[in-house]
Amino acid sequence: MKLPKLIMVIEKEGKWYVATCPELGVASQGRSFEEAEAMIQEAVEPLLEEADEAEIKCRLNRGVKLKTLELTQV
């Protein structure tokens, strides 16, 4: 199964950086942006390697939609 490109969101929360992959419902954290990025990859890769195709499709079809917010005024 060929996977689409997945979104990774990293936000600073206090002293930590919290990383999420919304399409798969996976989250991790690190003390730096780079560590959070590495940790979310470490969380996603085993899931994709170990889960069967049906589970991956189910996670990808959870209804998560990402769209750019376009503002007309600030």
PDB file of N, CA and C in Angstrom:
ATOM      1  N   MET A   1       0.845  -1.177   0.000  1.00  0.00           N
ATOM      2  CA  MET A   1       0.000   0.000   0.000  1.00  0.00           C
ATOM      3  C   MET A   1       0.890   1.241   0.000  1.00  0.00           C
ATOM      4  N   LYS A   2       0.665   2.105  -0.956  1.00  0.00           N
ATOM      5  CA  LYS A   2       1.426   3.347  -1.015  1.00  0.00           C
ATOM      6  C   LYS A   2       0.728   4.388  -0.140  1.00  0.00           C
ATOM      7  N   LEU A   3       1.482   4.959   0.766  1.00  0.00           N
ATOM      8  CA  LEU A   3       0.916   5.940   1.697  1.00  0.00           C
ATOM      9  C   LEU A   3       1.030   7.351   1.141  1.00  0.00           C
ATOM     10  N   PRO A   4       0.041   8.187   1.455  1.00  0.00           N
ATOM     11  CA  PRO A   4       0.158   9.598   1.081  1.00  0.00           C
ATOM     12  C   PRO A   4       1.184  10.271   1.979  1.00  0.00           C
ATOM     13  N   LYS A   5       1.593  11.461   1.598  1.00  0.00           N
ATOM     14  CA  LYS A   5       2.439  12.241   2.503  1.00  0.00           C
ATOM     15  C   LYS A   5       1.603  12.580   3.723  1.00  0.00           C
ATOM     16  N   LEU A   6       2.198  12.435   4.881  1.00  0.00           N
ATOM     17  CA  LEU A   6       1.480  12.685   6.128  1.00  0.00           C
ATOM     18  C   LEU A   6       1.884  14.031   6.711  1.00  0.00           C
ATOM     19  N   ILE A   7       0.960  14.647   7.409  1.00  0.00           N
ATOM     20  CA  ILE A   7       1.203  15.936   8.049  1.00  0.00           C
ATOM     21  C   ILE A   7       1.815  15.713   9.426  1.00  0.00           C
ATOM     22  N   MET A   8       2.787  16.541   9.748  1.00  0.00           N
ATOM     23  CA  MET A   8       3.383  16.544  11.078  1.00  0.00           C
ATOM     24  C   MET A   8       3.208  17.960  11.627  1.00  0.00           C
ATOM     25  N   VAL A   9       2.615  18.071  12.805  1.00  0.00           N
ATOM     26  CA  VAL A   9       2.421  19.366  13.452  1.00  0.00           C
ATOM     27  C   VAL A   9       3.264  19.370  14.720  1.00  0.00           C
ATOM     28  N   ILE A  10       4.089  20.407  14.878  1.00  0.00           N
ATOM     29  CA  ILE A  10       4.901  20.529  16.091  1.00  0.00           C
ATOM     30  C   ILE A  10       4.599  21.883  16.729  1.00  0.00           C
ATOM     31  N   GLU A  11       4.200  21.837  18.002  1.00  0.00           N
ATOM     32  CA  GLU A  11       3.869  23.052  18.740  1.00  0.00           C
ATOM     33  C   GLU A  11       4.663  23.092  20.038  1.00  0.00           C
ATOM     34  N   LYS A  12       5.112  24.280  20.400  1.00  0.00           N
ATOM     35  CA  LYS A  12       5.818  24.432  21.673  1.00  0.00           C
ATOM     36  C   LYS A  12       4.789  24.591  22.780  1.00  0.00           C
ATOM     37  N   GLU A  13       4.912  23.751  23.814  1.00  0.00           N
ATOM     38  CA  GLU A  13       4.035  23.825  24.983  1.00  0.00           C
ATOM     39  C   GLU A  13       4.916  23.845  26.221  1.00  0.00           C
ATOM     40  N   GLY A  14       5.105  25.027  26.775  1.00  0.00           N
ATOM     41  CA  GLY A  14       6.006  25.172  27.917  1.00  0.00           C
ATOM     42  C   GLY A  14       7.436  24.878  27.490  1.00  0.00           C
ATOM     43  N   LYS A  15       8.082  23.944  28.185  1.00  0.00           N
ATOM     44  CA  LYS A  15       9.464  23.582  27.855  1.00  0.00           C
ATOM     45  C   LYS A  15       9.537  22.471  26.819  1.00  0.00           C
ATOM     46  N   TRP A  16       8.402  21.947  26.386  1.00  0.00           N
ATOM     47  CA  TRP A  16       8.361  20.804  25.473  1.00  0.00           C
ATOM     48  C   TRP A  16       7.843  21.206  24.099  1.00  0.00           C
ATOM     49  N   TYR A  17       8.217  20.420  23.105  1.00  0.00           N
ATOM     50  CA  TYR A  17       7.656  20.512  21.770  1.00  0.00           C
ATOM     51  C   TYR A  17       6.801  19.262  21.576  1.00  0.00           C
ATOM     52  N   VAL A  18       5.533  19.461  21.269  1.00  0.00           N
ATOM     53  CA  VAL A  18       4.604  18.350  21.094  1.00  0.00           C
ATOM     54  C   VAL A  18       4.370  18.153  19.601  1.00  0.00           C
ATOM     55  N   ALA A  19       4.605  16.936  19.139  1.00  0.00           N
ATOM     56  CA  ALA A  19       4.454  16.601  17.725  1.00  0.00           C
ATOM     57  C   ALA A  19       3.262  15.675  17.553  1.00  0.00           C
ATOM     58  N   THR A  20       2.454  15.951  16.534  1.00  0.00           N
ATOM     59  CA  THR A  20       1.324  15.086  16.226  1.00  0.00           C
ATOM     60  C   THR A  20       1.284  14.780  14.738  1.00  0.00           C
ATOM     61  N   CYS A  21       0.726  13.634  14.425  1.00  0.00           N
ATOM     62  CA  CYS A  21       0.405  13.256  13.052  1.00  0.00           C
ATOM     63  C   CYS A  21      -1.112  13.070  13.047  1.00  0.00           C
ATOM     64  N   PRO A  22      -1.873  14.122  12.691  1.00  0.00           N
ATOM     65  CA  PRO A  22      -3.321  14.072  12.839  1.00  0.00           C
ATOM     66  C   PRO A  22      -3.998  12.967  12.028  1.00  0.00           C
ATOM     67  N   GLU A  23      -3.464  12.657  10.859  1.00  0.00           N
ATOM     68  CA  GLU A  23      -4.107  11.627  10.030  1.00  0.00           C
ATOM     69  C   GLU A  23      -4.097  10.258  10.695  1.00  0.00           C
ATOM     70  N   LEU A  24      -3.057   9.971  11.468  1.00  0.00           N
ATOM     71  CA  LEU A  24      -2.934   8.661  12.109  1.00  0.00           C
ATOM     72  C   LEU A  24      -3.318   8.682  13.582  1.00  0.00           C
ATOM     73  N   GLY A  25      -3.514   9.874  14.149  1.00  0.00           N
ATOM     74  CA  GLY A  25      -3.849   9.970  15.564  1.00  0.00           C
ATOM     75  C   GLY A  25      -2.683   9.614  16.465  1.00  0.00           C
ATOM     76  N   VAL A  26      -1.471   9.985  16.057  1.00  0.00           N
ATOM     77  CA  VAL A  26      -0.253   9.655  16.804  1.00  0.00           C
ATOM     78  C   VAL A  26       0.358  10.948  17.338  1.00  0.00           C
ATOM     79  N   ALA A  27       0.893  10.891  18.557  1.00  0.00           N
ATOM     80  CA  ALA A  27       1.536  12.059  19.160  1.00  0.00           C
ATOM     81  C   ALA A  27       2.799  11.639  19.894  1.00  0.00           C
ATOM     82  N   SER A  28       3.726  12.584  20.026  1.00  0.00           N
ATOM     83  CA  SER A  28       4.953  12.377  20.788  1.00  0.00           C
ATOM     84  C   SER A  28       5.455  13.750  21.216  1.00  0.00           C
ATOM     85  N   GLN A  29       6.608  13.788  21.873  1.00  0.00           N
ATOM     86  CA  GLN A  29       7.156  15.069  22.316  1.00  0.00           C
ATOM     87  C   GLN A  29       8.662  14.995  22.417  1.00  0.00           C
ATOM     88  N   GLY A  30       9.279  16.173  22.500  1.00  0.00           N
ATOM     89  CA  GLY A  30      10.720  16.257  22.675  1.00  0.00           C
ATOM     90  C   GLY A  30      11.080  17.585  23.307  1.00  0.00           C
ATOM     91  N   ARG A  31      12.312  17.699  23.753  1.00  0.00           N
ATOM     92  CA  ARG A  31      12.762  18.946  24.395  1.00  0.00           C
ATOM     93  C   ARG A  31      13.181  20.008  23.380  1.00  0.00           C
ATOM     94  N   SER A  32      13.302  19.625  22.101  1.00  0.00           N
ATOM     95  CA  SER A  32      13.609  20.575  21.032  1.00  0.00           C
ATOM     96  C   SER A  32      12.735  20.228  19.831  1.00  0.00           C
ATOM     97  N   PHE A  33      12.671  21.136  18.869  1.00  0.00           N
ATOM     98  CA  PHE A  33      11.907  20.884  17.648  1.00  0.00           C
ATOM     99  C   PHE A  33      12.428  19.631  16.961  1.00  0.00           C
ATOM    100  N   GLU A  34      13.755  19.534  16.862  1.00  0.00           N
ATOM    101  CA  GLU A  34      14.377  18.406  16.177  1.00  0.00           C
ATOM    102  C   GLU A  34      14.098  17.086  16.890  1.00  0.00           C
ATOM    103  N   GLU A  35      14.145  17.115  18.225  1.00  0.00           N
ATOM    104  CA  GLU A  35      13.868  15.892  18.979  1.00  0.00           C
ATOM    105  C   GLU A  35      12.403  15.479  18.817  1.00  0.00           C
ATOM    106  N   ALA A  36      11.490  16.444  18.838  1.00  0.00           N
ATOM    107  CA  ALA A  36      10.070  16.133  18.647  1.00  0.00           C
ATOM    108  C   ALA A  36       9.833  15.547  17.259  1.00  0.00           C
ATOM    109  N   GLU A  37      10.515  16.088  16.262  1.00  0.00           N
ATOM    110  CA  GLU A  37      10.397  15.565  14.896  1.00  0.00           C
ATOM    111  C   GLU A  37      10.883  14.116  14.836  1.00  0.00           C
ATOM    112  N   ALA A  38      12.019  13.844  15.445  1.00  0.00           N
ATOM    113  CA  ALA A  38      12.558  12.480  15.456  1.00  0.00           C
ATOM    114  C   ALA A  38      11.637  11.534  16.224  1.00  0.00           C
ATOM    115  N   MET A  39      11.067  12.009  17.319  1.00  0.00           N
ATOM    116  CA  MET A  39      10.206  11.161  18.146  1.00  0.00           C
ATOM    117  C   MET A  39       8.896  10.811  17.437  1.00  0.00           C
ATOM    118  N   ILE A  40       8.327  11.761  16.685  1.00  0.00           N
ATOM    119  CA  ILE A  40       7.078  11.445  15.982  1.00  0.00           C
ATOM    120  C   ILE A  40       7.357  10.456  14.857  1.00  0.00           C
ATOM    121  N   GLN A  41       8.513  10.582  14.215  1.00  0.00           N
ATOM    122  CA  GLN A  41       8.877   9.599  13.188  1.00  0.00           C
ATOM    123  C   GLN A  41       9.055   8.221  13.814  1.00  0.00           C
ATOM    124  N   GLU A  42       9.675   8.172  14.992  1.00  0.00           N
ATOM    125  CA  GLU A  42       9.852   6.898  15.697  1.00  0.00           C
ATOM    126  C   GLU A  42       8.513   6.302  16.120  1.00  0.00           C
ATOM    127  N   ALA A  43       7.516   7.133  16.347  1.00  0.00           N
ATOM    128  CA  ALA A  43       6.190   6.638  16.728  1.00  0.00           C
ATOM    129  C   ALA A  43       5.394   6.165  15.511  1.00  0.00           C
ATOM    130  N   VAL A  44       5.533   6.870  14.391  1.00  0.00           N
ATOM    131  CA  VAL A  44       4.750   6.549  13.190  1.00  0.00           C
ATOM    132  C   VAL A  44       5.307   5.335  12.447  1.00  0.00           C
ATOM    133  N   GLU A  45       6.619   5.260  12.291  1.00  0.00           N
ATOM    134  CA  GLU A  45       7.211   4.190  11.476  1.00  0.00           C
ATOM    135  C   GLU A  45       6.848   2.784  11.956  1.00  0.00           C
ATOM    136  N   PRO A  46       6.975   2.453  13.253  1.00  0.00           N
ATOM    137  CA  PRO A  46       6.590   1.097  13.678  1.00  0.00           C
ATOM    138  C   PRO A  46       5.102   0.816  13.469  1.00  0.00           C
ATOM    139  N   LEU A  47       4.277   1.841  13.667  1.00  0.00           N
ATOM    140  CA  LEU A  47       2.843   1.662  13.440  1.00  0.00           C
ATOM    141  C   LEU A  47       2.592   1.240  11.996  1.00  0.00           C
ATOM    142  N   LEU A  48       3.228   1.930  11.063  1.00  0.00           N
ATOM    143  CA  LEU A  48       3.021   1.618   9.650  1.00  0.00           C
ATOM    144  C   LEU A  48       3.620   0.269   9.276  1.00  0.00           C
ATOM    145  N   GLU A  49       4.710  -0.112   9.934  1.00  0.00           N
ATOM    146  CA  GLU A  49       5.342  -1.404   9.644  1.00  0.00           C
ATOM    147  C   GLU A  49       4.543  -2.568  10.219  1.00  0.00           C
ATOM    148  N   GLU A  50       3.941  -2.381  11.399  1.00  0.00           N
ATOM    149  CA  GLU A  50       3.296  -3.484  12.106  1.00  0.00           C
ATOM    150  C   GLU A  50       1.795  -3.592  11.851  1.00  0.00           C
ATOM    151  N   ALA A  51       1.141  -2.489  11.551  1.00  0.00           N
ATOM    152  CA  ALA A  51      -0.311  -2.516  11.349  1.00  0.00           C
ATOM    153  C   ALA A  51      -0.641  -3.140  10.002  1.00  0.00           C
ATOM    154  N   ASP A  52      -1.781  -3.812   9.958  1.00  0.00           N
ATOM    155  CA  ASP A  52      -2.192  -4.354   8.666  1.00  0.00           C
ATOM    156  C   ASP A  52      -2.834  -3.238   7.838  1.00  0.00           C
ATOM    157  N   GLU A  53      -3.029  -3.514   6.567  1.00  0.00           N
ATOM    158  CA  GLU A  53      -3.524  -2.497   5.643  1.00  0.00           C
ATOM    159  C   GLU A  53      -4.893  -1.964   6.067  1.00  0.00           C
ATOM    160  N   ALA A  54      -5.747  -2.823   6.600  1.00  0.00           N
ATOM    161  CA  ALA A  54      -7.084  -2.390   7.028  1.00  0.00           C
ATOM    162  C   ALA A  54      -7.003  -1.377   8.170  1.00  0.00           C
ATOM    163  N   GLU A  55      -6.102  -1.611   9.133  1.00  0.00           N
ATOM    164  CA  GLU A  55      -5.968  -0.665  10.251  1.00  0.00           C
ATOM    165  C   GLU A  55      -5.445   0.681   9.766  1.00  0.00           C
ATOM    166  N   ILE A  56      -4.468   0.642   8.869  1.00  0.00           N
ATOM    167  CA  ILE A  56      -3.921   1.899   8.339  1.00  0.00           C
ATOM    168  C   ILE A  56      -5.004   2.666   7.594  1.00  0.00           C
ATOM    169  N   LYS A  57      -5.766   1.981   6.746  1.00  0.00           N
ATOM    170  CA  LYS A  57      -6.844   2.649   6.005  1.00  0.00           C
ATOM    171  C   LYS A  57      -7.874   3.229   6.961  1.00  0.00           C
ATOM    172  N   CYS A  58      -8.195   2.498   8.017  1.00  0.00           N
ATOM    173  CA  CYS A  58      -9.160   2.979   9.012  1.00  0.00           C
ATOM    174  C   CYS A  58      -8.650   4.255   9.670  1.00  0.00           C
ATOM    175  N   ARG A  59      -7.380   4.273  10.062  1.00  0.00           N
ATOM    176  CA  ARG A  59      -6.801   5.464  10.694  1.00  0.00           C
ATOM    177  C   ARG A  59      -6.766   6.641   9.719  1.00  0.00           C
ATOM    178  N   LEU A  60      -6.419   6.374   8.463  1.00  0.00           N
ATOM    179  CA  LEU A  60      -6.335   7.447   7.476  1.00  0.00           C
ATOM    180  C   LEU A  60      -7.710   7.996   7.112  1.00  0.00           C
ATOM    181  N   ASN A  61      -8.749   7.224   7.315  1.00  0.00           N
ATOM    182  CA  ASN A  61     -10.101   7.651   6.955  1.00  0.00           C
ATOM    183  C   ASN A  61     -10.924   8.067   8.169  1.00  0.00           C
ATOM    184  N   ARG A  62     -10.255   8.565   9.220  1.00  0.00           N
ATOM    185  CA  ARG A  62     -10.944   8.984  10.446  1.00  0.00           C
ATOM    186  C   ARG A  62     -11.716  10.281  10.263  1.00  0.00           C
ATOM    187  N   GLY A  63     -11.601  10.915   9.132  1.00  0.00           N
ATOM    188  CA  GLY A  63     -12.319  12.155   8.904  1.00  0.00           C
ATOM    189  C   GLY A  63     -11.492  13.397   9.170  1.00  0.00           C
ATOM    190  N   VAL A  64     -10.198  13.244   9.379  1.00  0.00           N
ATOM    191  CA  VAL A  64      -9.335  14.407   9.589  1.00  0.00           C
ATOM    192  C   VAL A  64      -9.161  15.117   8.254  1.00  0.00           C
ATOM    193  N   LYS A  65      -9.474  16.380   8.237  1.00  0.00           N
ATOM    194  CA  LYS A  65      -9.317  17.187   7.027  1.00  0.00           C
ATOM    195  C   LYS A  65      -8.455  18.392   7.376  1.00  0.00           C
ATOM    196  N   LEU A  66      -7.511  18.691   6.535  1.00  0.00           N
ATOM    197  CA  LEU A  66      -6.655  19.859   6.721  1.00  0.00           C
ATOM    198  C   LEU A  66      -6.910  20.824   5.576  1.00  0.00           C
ATOM    199  N   LYS A  67      -7.049  22.074   5.926  1.00  0.00           N
ATOM    200  CA  LYS A  67      -7.314  23.090   4.917  1.00  0.00           C
ATOM    201  C   LYS A  67      -6.648  24.382   5.353  1.00  0.00           C
ATOM    202  N   THR A  68      -6.174  25.143   4.400  1.00  0.00           N
ATOM    203  CA  THR A  68      -5.574  26.439   4.689  1.00  0.00           C
ATOM    204  C   THR A  68      -6.675  27.446   4.991  1.00  0.00           C
ATOM    205  N   LEU A  69      -6.515  28.179   6.062  1.00  0.00           N
ATOM    206  CA  LEU A  69      -7.475  29.209   6.444  1.00  0.00           C
ATOM    207  C   LEU A  69      -7.106  30.495   5.726  1.00  0.00           C
ATOM    208  N   GLU A  70      -8.035  31.000   4.934  1.00  0.00           N
ATOM    209  CA  GLU A  70      -7.789  32.244   4.206  1.00  0.00           C
ATOM    210  C   GLU A  70      -8.602  33.355   4.856  1.00  0.00           C
ATOM    211  N   LEU A  71      -7.919  34.385   5.326  1.00  0.00           N
ATOM    212  CA  LEU A  71      -8.576  35.505   5.998  1.00  0.00           C
ATOM    213  C   LEU A  71      -8.733  36.670   5.036  1.00  0.00           C
ATOM    214  N   THR A  72      -9.856  37.372   5.146  1.00  0.00           N
ATOM    215  CA  THR A  72     -10.050  38.550   4.306  1.00  0.00           C
ATOM    216  C   THR A  72      -9.644  39.821   5.036  1.00  0.00           C
ATOM    217  N   GLN A  73      -9.662  39.781   6.373  1.00  0.00           N
ATOM    218  CA  GLN A  73      -9.255  40.931   7.178  1.00  0.00           C
ATOM    219  C   GLN A  73      -8.535  40.450   8.421  1.00  0.00           C
ATOM    220  N   VAL A  74      -7.711  41.321   8.950  1.00  0.00           N
ATOM    221  CA  VAL A  74      -7.050  41.030  10.225  1.00  0.00           C
ATOM    222  C   VAL A  74      -7.446  42.082  11.220  1.00  0.00           C
TER     223      VAL A  74
END
